[in-house]
Every structure is written in C-alpha cells, then in structure tokens.
Amino acid sequence: MACLLETPIRMSVLSRHEKCCNWKQQAESQSHCFRSCSKDATVIPHLMALLSRSRYTQEYICQIFSHCCKGPDHQTILFNHGAVQNIAHLLTSLSYKVRMQALKCFSVLAFENPQVSMTLVNVLVDGELLPQIFVKMLQRDKPIEMQLTSAKCLTYMCRAGAIRTDDNCIVLKTLPCLVRMCSKERLLEERVEGAETLAYLIEPDVELQRIASITDHLIAMLADYFKYPSSVSAITDIKRLDHDLKHAHELRQAAFKLYASLGANDEDIRKKIIETENMMDRIVTGLSESSVKVRLAAVRCLHSLSRSVQQLRTSFQDHAVWKPLMKVLQNAPDEILVVASSMLCNLLLEFS
C-alpha cells in the first residue's frame, strides 16, 4: 500500500480494470497503509471521490479500506472522512462484488466501535434503515458469504450498544443465521466464523445464551467440531484430509469459545454442555494442545463451566482437571495464566 500512496493516483489509470486489480493486490500485501495515509491527508478524500467512477473502483476501494482498517484509530480516520455516507449506497449496487465489499467495510468499521455503530443504525439507503438492509442480506436465499458478513455487522452493532439484544433483528434473524453457519453442511471456514461470531454475540447476555442453546440442537452440533480431521483411507479423500488437518485447531478453538459463552451464566446450559459426548475429555485434551489459541480457548471454556458448584463436585473431580491445569501454568503466556489462575481459585474455594 505504501507504493500506492507514495504515487499520485490518476483517474484515467483507475478506470482500467487491470490497473484496479494491480492496485488492490498492493493494498492486500501491505499492513501500514494508514500510517502512510496520515502523512498525506489528501489520499483518503481522493479515494472517497473515486467511489463514483466505476464498479471496479467501488469494489477495490472498499476492499482496500476493509483490508487496511486495523483498529479504532483507523476506524476514526475513515469515519471522519465520510466513509459511512460514501459507502452506504453501494449496498444497493447491481454488482454483487460491490455489495459484498461494502458490507465487509461496514463490518470492519462497526467492530467494537459505538460511534460508528450508533451512526449506522440511523442511516437511510433508498428509504430503508441500514439494519433492515443487513437483515435482508442474511436471508437464506442469499449467498453464504453475504449472510455471514451481514450477521457480523448486526452482531457488532448489537455489542456496541446500537441495537438491543432483544430486538427481533438479533433474536429472530441474526442468532438463527449464525447457528445455521455452525451446521456440518457448511464449509469448515464458515463453521469457524459462524461459531466465533455467535460466541461474541451471546457472551454478555443470558437470554441470548438460553435461546442459542435450544436452537437447532446447537450444543450437540458443536461436538462435531472435534471430529476433524476425520479418518479416511480412500486416496480420493487425501485432499479433504489435508484441508481438515489445517482447520482442526480453528474448529476446536471456535467450539471451546462458543461453549464458554453458552455456559457463562445458566446452570442448566452448563449441565447440558458437560453431558455432551466426551466433553470433559475433550477439554482436558485441549489443555495440552500444541496451539496456544486452542489451549486458551479450552481454559476459558473450563473456567466458564467451573462457575457451577455441582459440576465442581462431580465432573471436575472425576476428571481431576487440576492436574492438566497445573501443567498449563508452566511457561504459559500471561493471558492463559490469568484465566487458569482464576479457574484454580474456583477449584480451591470449593474444595478448601
């Protein structure tokens, strides 16, 4: 992206599809584009102005923004330069690619950002509020990528306080959509993204946790996340096996995250999770995974379930979870130490 921003962008160049592709690839390969932007205050306004040039510039500029926006400072830069107003109308574009890139832009802008989210909830596009457009985009007849990204937009707006957790667009539309993404009919990447987004949506709200737990047998459905890589012997399945191996850690991490959110408050839900096939064994195994992210997710899941006095006295004793937990504490990163220490406190309080 640096080379893009160090060279003036000519409209005549951007009008050609090949040059647009070139430009977009440069943006994807760089992570410091907003640092460069801060040195030249004319760049982002210029990109905003180019949004009216063609569907190619619309697609690629939105993609550049979503790739380069890496935190609240970047969100503020885009917001202050009118990104919301300039990109909103692209959601009704005739081009699917333009609609998708605009949607991805909004998901990046809204993430953990109350200011952007509060603005988005009141934006009108062709007489419709933006949340209504997002809801239409997550209907079953839409492409999976569009459903999932729309659900992320609504999730982030909800977590930022712009949409109530009991709003129909969350309870009846967003949550069921994300549960659908967890089914075994979906691609592995979609299942990971669906589970992690759902975990984030329901994390602070007990009612959403209860609704999710009884939607489409979600708790049992998540058990399938631990069955990868599947055992195959046919040569024709080797490519699939490689794919499964690559995503096994991500699947287990996502499942642990969602189980942790589901069991954060409700005793009955915790009981259902622990009674799921081989659940405690899976958590104990997760504590010794090679992936730090999986270990952290397993510890958080265990910590969530340890809030149950009944389970501390039964399942946690039966599986002697303190032993693998002590091993986790050895040379562990700080974030694992914090959660594991809290988990040990729960055990000590119960058995002291």
Protein backbone atom coordinates (compact mmCIF):
# COMPACT_ATOMS: atom_id res chain seq x y z
CA MET A 1 0.00 0.00 0.00
CA ALA A 2 2.96 2.29 0.65
CA CYS A 3 3.87 2.40 -3.02
CA LEU A 4 0.24 3.15 -3.85
CA LEU A 5 0.15 6.12 -1.51
CA GLU A 6 3.56 7.45 -2.49
CA THR A 7 2.44 7.79 -6.11
CA PRO A 8 -0.44 10.07 -7.19
CA ILE A 9 -3.48 8.09 -8.31
CA ARG A 10 -4.79 9.14 -11.69
CA MET A 11 -8.46 8.67 -12.54
CA SER A 12 -7.52 7.66 -16.07
CA VAL A 13 -5.41 4.84 -14.68
CA LEU A 14 -8.06 3.65 -12.25
CA SER A 15 -10.64 3.43 -15.00
CA ARG A 16 -8.93 0.34 -16.34
CA HIS A 17 -9.82 -2.97 -14.74
CA GLU A 18 -6.28 -4.37 -14.92
CA LYS A 19 -4.81 -1.40 -13.08
CA CYS A 20 -7.50 -1.64 -10.41
CA CYS A 21 -6.58 -5.28 -9.79
CA ASN A 22 -2.93 -4.27 -9.51
CA TRP A 23 -3.76 -1.56 -7.02
CA LYS A 24 -5.92 -3.84 -4.89
CA GLN A 25 -3.19 -6.51 -4.71
CA GLN A 26 -0.72 -3.90 -3.47
CA ALA A 27 -3.14 -2.93 -0.72
CA GLU A 28 -3.66 -6.54 0.35
CA SER A 29 0.08 -7.14 0.65
CA GLN A 30 0.72 -4.17 2.97
CA SER A 31 -0.29 -3.59 6.59
CA HIS A 32 0.83 0.01 7.12
CA CYS A 33 -1.37 1.90 4.66
CA PHE A 34 -2.99 4.11 7.31
CA ARG A 35 0.39 5.20 8.63
CA SER A 36 1.16 6.38 5.11
CA CYS A 37 -2.27 8.00 4.86
CA SER A 38 -1.57 10.07 7.94
CA LYS A 39 1.41 11.61 6.13
CA ASP A 40 -0.74 12.62 3.17
CA ALA A 41 -4.14 13.92 4.25
CA THR A 42 -5.36 14.03 0.63
CA VAL A 43 -5.25 10.29 -0.02
CA ILE A 44 -8.44 9.09 1.69
CA PRO A 45 -10.59 12.01 0.44
CA HIS A 46 -9.25 11.24 -3.05
CA LEU A 47 -10.21 7.56 -2.70
CA MET A 48 -13.67 8.57 -1.48
CA ALA A 49 -14.10 10.79 -4.53
CA LEU A 50 -13.15 7.91 -6.81
CA LEU A 51 -16.02 5.77 -5.49
CA SER A 52 -18.29 7.27 -8.14
CA ARG A 53 -16.01 6.36 -11.05
CA SER A 54 -16.96 2.74 -11.80
CA ARG A 55 -17.98 -0.50 -10.16
CA TYR A 56 -14.34 -1.60 -10.25
CA THR A 57 -13.14 1.39 -8.26
CA GLN A 58 -16.06 0.89 -5.86
CA GLU A 59 -15.18 -2.76 -5.32
CA TYR A 60 -11.46 -2.28 -4.90
CA ILE A 61 -11.53 0.89 -2.81
CA CYS A 62 -13.93 -0.77 -0.35
CA GLN A 63 -11.65 -3.79 -0.29
CA ILE A 64 -8.63 -1.58 0.38
CA PHE A 65 -10.43 0.11 3.28
CA SER A 66 -11.53 -3.20 4.85
CA HIS A 67 -8.05 -4.73 4.49
CA CYS A 68 -6.23 -1.70 5.90
CA CYS A 69 -8.56 -0.79 8.77
CA LYS A 70 -6.89 -2.43 11.77
CA GLY A 71 -8.21 -0.69 14.87
CA PRO A 72 -10.08 2.23 16.42
CA ASP A 73 -7.67 4.86 15.09
CA HIS A 74 -8.17 3.64 11.53
CA GLN A 75 -11.93 3.44 12.04
CA THR A 76 -11.92 7.06 13.20
CA ILE A 77 -9.93 8.18 10.15
CA LEU A 78 -12.40 6.54 7.77
CA PHE A 79 -15.43 7.70 9.76
CA ASN A 80 -14.22 11.31 9.82
CA HIS A 81 -13.69 11.24 6.06
CA GLY A 82 -17.33 10.24 5.44
CA ALA A 83 -16.89 6.51 4.85
CA VAL A 84 -20.38 5.67 6.16
CA GLN A 85 -22.17 8.13 3.88
CA ASN A 86 -20.00 7.38 0.85
CA ILE A 87 -20.23 3.59 1.10
CA ALA A 88 -23.83 3.10 2.30
CA HIS A 89 -25.43 3.49 -1.14
CA LEU A 90 -23.13 0.77 -2.52
CA LEU A 91 -25.16 -1.81 -0.59
CA THR A 92 -27.85 -1.46 -3.28
CA SER A 93 -25.41 -1.76 -6.20
CA LEU A 94 -26.33 -4.10 -9.07
CA SER A 95 -22.89 -5.69 -8.69
CA TYR A 96 -22.72 -8.48 -6.10
CA LYS A 97 -18.98 -7.89 -5.62
CA VAL A 98 -19.54 -4.21 -4.84
CA ARG A 99 -22.30 -5.04 -2.35
CA MET A 100 -20.08 -7.61 -0.63
CA GLN A 101 -17.07 -5.33 -0.33
CA ALA A 102 -19.26 -2.52 1.04
CA LEU A 103 -20.71 -4.97 3.55
CA LYS A 104 -17.24 -6.10 4.64
CA CYS A 105 -16.27 -2.46 5.04
CA PHE A 106 -19.14 -1.87 7.45
CA SER A 107 -18.30 -4.98 9.48
CA VAL A 108 -14.75 -3.69 9.95
CA LEU A 109 -15.93 -0.16 10.78
CA ALA A 110 -18.55 -1.28 13.33
CA PHE A 111 -16.38 -3.75 15.27
CA GLU A 112 -16.16 -2.60 18.91
CA ASN A 113 -16.93 0.96 17.82
CA PRO A 114 -20.01 2.57 19.44
CA GLN A 115 -19.63 5.82 17.49
CA VAL A 116 -19.76 4.12 14.10
CA SER A 117 -22.45 1.65 15.19
CA MET A 118 -24.72 4.38 16.56
CA THR A 119 -24.38 6.20 13.26
CA LEU A 120 -25.04 3.11 11.14
CA VAL A 121 -28.29 2.30 12.92
CA ASN A 122 -29.83 5.58 11.70
CA VAL A 123 -28.51 5.63 8.12
CA LEU A 124 -31.15 5.54 5.37
CA VAL A 125 -30.48 3.96 1.97
CA ASP A 126 -33.30 4.31 -0.56
CA GLY A 127 -35.77 4.84 2.27
CA GLU A 128 -34.62 1.83 4.32
CA LEU A 129 -32.62 1.84 7.52
CA LEU A 130 -29.26 0.11 7.29
CA PRO A 131 -30.13 -2.63 9.83
CA GLN A 132 -33.15 -3.55 7.68
CA ILE A 133 -30.86 -3.88 4.65
CA PHE A 134 -28.49 -6.08 6.66
CA VAL A 135 -31.42 -8.30 7.72
CA LYS A 136 -32.44 -8.77 4.07
CA MET A 137 -28.88 -9.73 3.25
CA LEU A 138 -28.79 -12.56 5.81
CA GLN A 139 -31.88 -14.35 4.49
CA ARG A 140 -31.46 -17.99 3.49
CA ASP A 141 -31.71 -17.32 -0.25
CA LYS A 142 -28.64 -15.06 -0.18
CA PRO A 143 -25.07 -16.36 -0.71
CA ILE A 144 -23.48 -17.73 2.48
CA GLU A 145 -20.72 -15.12 2.41
CA MET A 146 -23.34 -12.36 2.38
CA GLN A 147 -25.39 -13.98 5.16
CA LEU A 148 -22.37 -14.35 7.39
CA THR A 149 -20.99 -10.85 6.83
CA SER A 150 -24.42 -9.27 7.40
CA ALA A 151 -24.76 -11.24 10.63
CA LYS A 152 -21.35 -9.92 11.71
CA CYS A 153 -22.44 -6.32 11.02
CA LEU A 154 -25.57 -6.73 13.15
CA THR A 155 -23.61 -8.57 15.86
CA TYR A 156 -21.02 -5.80 16.13
CA MET A 157 -23.73 -3.12 16.21
CA CYS A 158 -25.51 -5.03 18.96
CA ARG A 159 -22.35 -5.48 21.06
CA ALA A 160 -21.59 -1.77 20.61
CA GLY A 161 -24.99 -0.89 22.11
CA ALA A 162 -26.60 0.39 18.92
CA ILE A 163 -29.13 -2.48 18.73
CA ARG A 164 -30.87 -4.01 21.75
CA THR A 165 -30.19 -7.68 22.48
CA ASP A 166 -33.94 -8.36 22.50
CA ASP A 167 -34.51 -6.70 19.12
CA ASN A 168 -36.17 -9.03 16.60
CA CYS A 169 -33.34 -8.50 14.12
CA ILE A 170 -31.00 -10.10 16.67
CA VAL A 171 -33.23 -12.76 18.26
CA LEU A 172 -35.15 -13.88 15.16
CA LYS A 173 -32.66 -13.16 12.38
CA THR A 174 -29.00 -12.78 13.39
CA LEU A 175 -28.78 -15.50 16.03
CA PRO A 176 -30.55 -18.20 13.94
CA CYS A 177 -28.39 -17.29 10.94
CA LEU A 178 -25.20 -17.77 12.96
CA VAL A 179 -26.44 -21.09 14.35
CA ARG A 180 -27.06 -22.23 10.75
CA MET A 181 -23.45 -21.40 9.96
CA CYS A 182 -22.38 -23.95 12.60
CA SER A 183 -24.04 -26.91 10.88
CA LYS A 184 -21.96 -29.67 9.29
CA GLU A 185 -23.38 -28.75 5.87
CA ARG A 186 -21.28 -25.58 5.89
CA LEU A 187 -17.64 -25.27 4.87
CA LEU A 188 -15.11 -25.52 7.69
CA GLU A 189 -14.17 -21.84 7.41
CA GLU A 190 -17.84 -20.84 7.60
CA ARG A 191 -18.37 -23.02 10.67
CA VAL A 192 -15.41 -21.43 12.43
CA GLU A 193 -16.51 -17.89 11.60
CA GLY A 194 -20.13 -18.63 12.48
CA ALA A 195 -19.28 -20.12 15.89
CA GLU A 196 -16.84 -17.35 16.83
CA THR A 197 -19.27 -14.61 15.82
CA LEU A 198 -22.11 -16.29 17.72
CA ALA A 199 -19.88 -16.63 20.80
CA TYR A 200 -19.17 -12.90 20.63
CA LEU A 201 -22.87 -12.03 20.17
CA ILE A 202 -24.21 -14.00 23.15
CA GLU A 203 -21.25 -13.59 25.52
CA PRO A 204 -22.76 -10.86 27.78
CA ASP A 205 -26.47 -11.75 27.54
CA VAL A 206 -28.01 -14.68 29.41
CA GLU A 207 -31.26 -14.63 27.43
CA LEU A 208 -29.41 -14.92 24.11
CA GLN A 209 -27.39 -17.76 25.63
CA ARG A 210 -30.59 -19.60 26.53
CA ILE A 211 -32.13 -19.05 23.10
CA ALA A 212 -28.96 -20.19 21.31
CA SER A 213 -28.66 -23.31 23.47
CA ILE A 214 -32.05 -24.61 22.31
CA THR A 215 -31.75 -23.56 18.66
CA ASP A 216 -31.17 -26.40 16.19
CA HIS A 217 -29.51 -28.64 18.83
CA LEU A 218 -26.51 -26.29 18.87
CA ILE A 219 -24.77 -27.86 21.88
CA ALA A 220 -24.75 -31.30 20.25
CA MET A 221 -23.91 -29.77 16.86
CA LEU A 222 -20.71 -28.28 18.24
CA ALA A 223 -19.48 -31.74 19.24
CA ASP A 224 -18.85 -32.38 15.54
CA TYR A 225 -16.20 -29.65 15.61
CA PHE A 226 -13.93 -32.07 17.49
CA LYS A 227 -14.23 -34.82 14.87
CA TYR A 228 -11.73 -33.24 12.47
CA PRO A 229 -9.56 -34.42 10.88
CA SER A 230 -11.89 -37.29 10.01
CA SER A 231 -10.29 -40.69 9.48
CA VAL A 232 -10.26 -41.55 5.79
CA SER A 233 -8.46 -44.22 3.82
CA ALA A 234 -9.50 -43.65 0.23
CA ILE A 235 -6.95 -41.86 -1.96
CA THR A 236 -9.68 -39.59 -3.25
CA ASP A 237 -10.07 -38.19 0.27
CA ILE A 238 -6.43 -37.16 0.77
CA LYS A 239 -7.04 -33.58 -0.36
CA ARG A 240 -10.01 -33.33 2.00
CA LEU A 241 -7.88 -34.76 4.83
CA ASP A 242 -5.21 -32.08 4.30
CA HIS A 243 -7.94 -29.45 4.40
CA ASP A 244 -9.35 -30.89 7.64
CA LEU A 245 -5.93 -31.06 9.29
CA LYS A 246 -5.31 -27.40 8.51
CA HIS A 247 -8.57 -26.31 10.11
CA ALA A 248 -8.71 -28.72 13.07
CA HIS A 249 -7.23 -26.24 15.54
CA GLU A 250 -9.52 -23.43 14.37
CA LEU A 251 -12.58 -25.67 14.73
CA ARG A 252 -11.70 -26.75 18.27
CA GLN A 253 -10.88 -23.19 19.28
CA ALA A 254 -14.22 -21.93 17.91
CA ALA A 255 -16.16 -24.71 19.67
CA PHE A 256 -14.49 -24.01 23.02
CA LYS A 257 -15.22 -20.28 22.63
CA LEU A 258 -18.89 -20.88 21.91
CA TYR A 259 -19.27 -23.41 24.73
CA ALA A 260 -17.70 -20.85 27.09
CA SER A 261 -20.20 -18.18 26.04
CA LEU A 262 -23.16 -20.57 26.20
CA GLY A 263 -22.28 -21.69 29.73
CA ALA A 264 -21.34 -18.29 31.12
CA ASN A 265 -24.46 -17.84 33.29
CA ASP A 266 -27.03 -20.62 33.17
CA GLU A 267 -26.63 -23.77 35.30
CA ASP A 268 -28.84 -25.93 33.07
CA ILE A 269 -26.83 -25.00 29.97
CA ARG A 270 -23.56 -25.88 31.74
CA LYS A 271 -25.02 -29.26 32.65
CA LYS A 272 -26.02 -29.92 29.02
CA ILE A 273 -22.55 -28.96 27.80
CA ILE A 274 -20.74 -31.22 30.27
CA GLU A 275 -23.11 -34.10 29.48
CA THR A 276 -22.28 -33.81 25.77
CA GLU A 277 -20.36 -36.81 24.45
CA ASN A 278 -16.79 -36.93 25.87
CA MET A 279 -16.93 -33.21 26.65
CA MET A 280 -14.68 -33.20 29.72
CA ASP A 281 -12.15 -35.44 27.97
CA ARG A 282 -12.10 -33.03 25.04
CA ILE A 283 -11.49 -30.06 27.30
CA VAL A 284 -8.69 -31.86 29.15
CA THR A 285 -7.12 -32.79 25.80
CA GLY A 286 -7.49 -29.18 24.67
CA LEU A 287 -5.42 -28.04 27.65
CA SER A 288 -2.38 -29.80 26.19
CA GLU A 289 -2.87 -28.78 22.54
CA SER A 290 0.16 -27.51 20.65
CA SER A 291 -1.77 -24.39 19.64
CA VAL A 292 -1.69 -21.62 22.27
CA LYS A 293 -5.03 -20.30 20.97
CA VAL A 294 -6.71 -23.69 21.45
CA ARG A 295 -5.24 -24.03 24.96
CA LEU A 296 -6.51 -20.56 25.87
CA ALA A 297 -9.98 -21.32 24.50
CA ALA A 298 -10.06 -24.64 26.41
CA VAL A 299 -9.07 -22.91 29.67
CA ARG A 300 -11.75 -20.26 29.15
CA CYS A 301 -14.33 -22.96 28.48
CA LEU A 302 -13.30 -24.80 31.63
CA HIS A 303 -13.42 -21.55 33.61
CA SER A 304 -16.94 -20.84 32.36
CA LEU A 305 -18.13 -24.32 33.36
CA SER A 306 -16.36 -24.08 36.76
CA ARG A 307 -18.90 -21.48 37.89
CA SER A 308 -21.16 -24.43 38.64
CA VAL A 309 -20.74 -25.77 42.20
CA GLN A 310 -22.46 -29.01 41.21
CA GLN A 311 -20.06 -29.64 38.33
CA LEU A 312 -17.05 -28.78 40.50
CA ARG A 313 -18.15 -31.51 42.91
CA THR A 314 -18.82 -34.13 40.22
CA SER A 315 -17.38 -33.92 36.70
CA PHE A 316 -14.38 -31.79 37.68
CA GLN A 317 -13.44 -34.23 40.46
CA ASP A 318 -13.99 -37.29 38.27
CA HIS A 319 -11.60 -35.97 35.61
CA ALA A 320 -9.05 -34.46 38.04
CA VAL A 321 -8.87 -31.34 35.91
CA TRP A 322 -6.45 -29.69 38.32
CA LYS A 323 -3.61 -31.90 37.05
CA PRO A 324 -3.60 -30.77 33.40
CA LEU A 325 -4.39 -27.26 34.61
CA MET A 326 -1.18 -27.19 36.66
CA LYS A 327 0.77 -28.20 33.56
CA VAL A 328 -0.85 -25.39 31.60
CA LEU A 329 0.54 -22.89 34.12
CA GLN A 330 4.13 -23.86 33.30
CA ASN A 331 5.70 -21.35 30.90
CA ALA A 332 2.25 -20.18 29.76
CA PRO A 333 1.56 -16.77 28.19
CA ASP A 334 0.09 -14.14 30.51
CA GLU A 335 -3.43 -14.36 29.08
CA ILE A 336 -3.53 -18.11 29.81
CA LEU A 337 -2.07 -17.58 33.30
CA VAL A 338 -4.82 -15.10 34.20
CA VAL A 339 -7.70 -17.40 33.21
CA ALA A 340 -6.06 -20.58 34.54
CA SER A 341 -5.34 -18.90 37.90
CA SER A 342 -8.96 -17.79 38.16
CA MET A 343 -10.04 -21.33 37.33
CA LEU A 344 -7.80 -22.74 40.09
CA CYS A 345 -9.31 -20.25 42.55
CA ASN A 346 -12.75 -21.69 41.79
CA LEU A 347 -11.44 -25.19 42.49
CA LEU A 348 -9.69 -24.15 45.72
CA LEU A 349 -12.74 -22.29 47.04
CA GLU A 350 -14.90 -25.34 46.50
CA PHE A 351 -12.56 -27.94 47.96
CA SER A 352 -10.87 -25.95 50.74
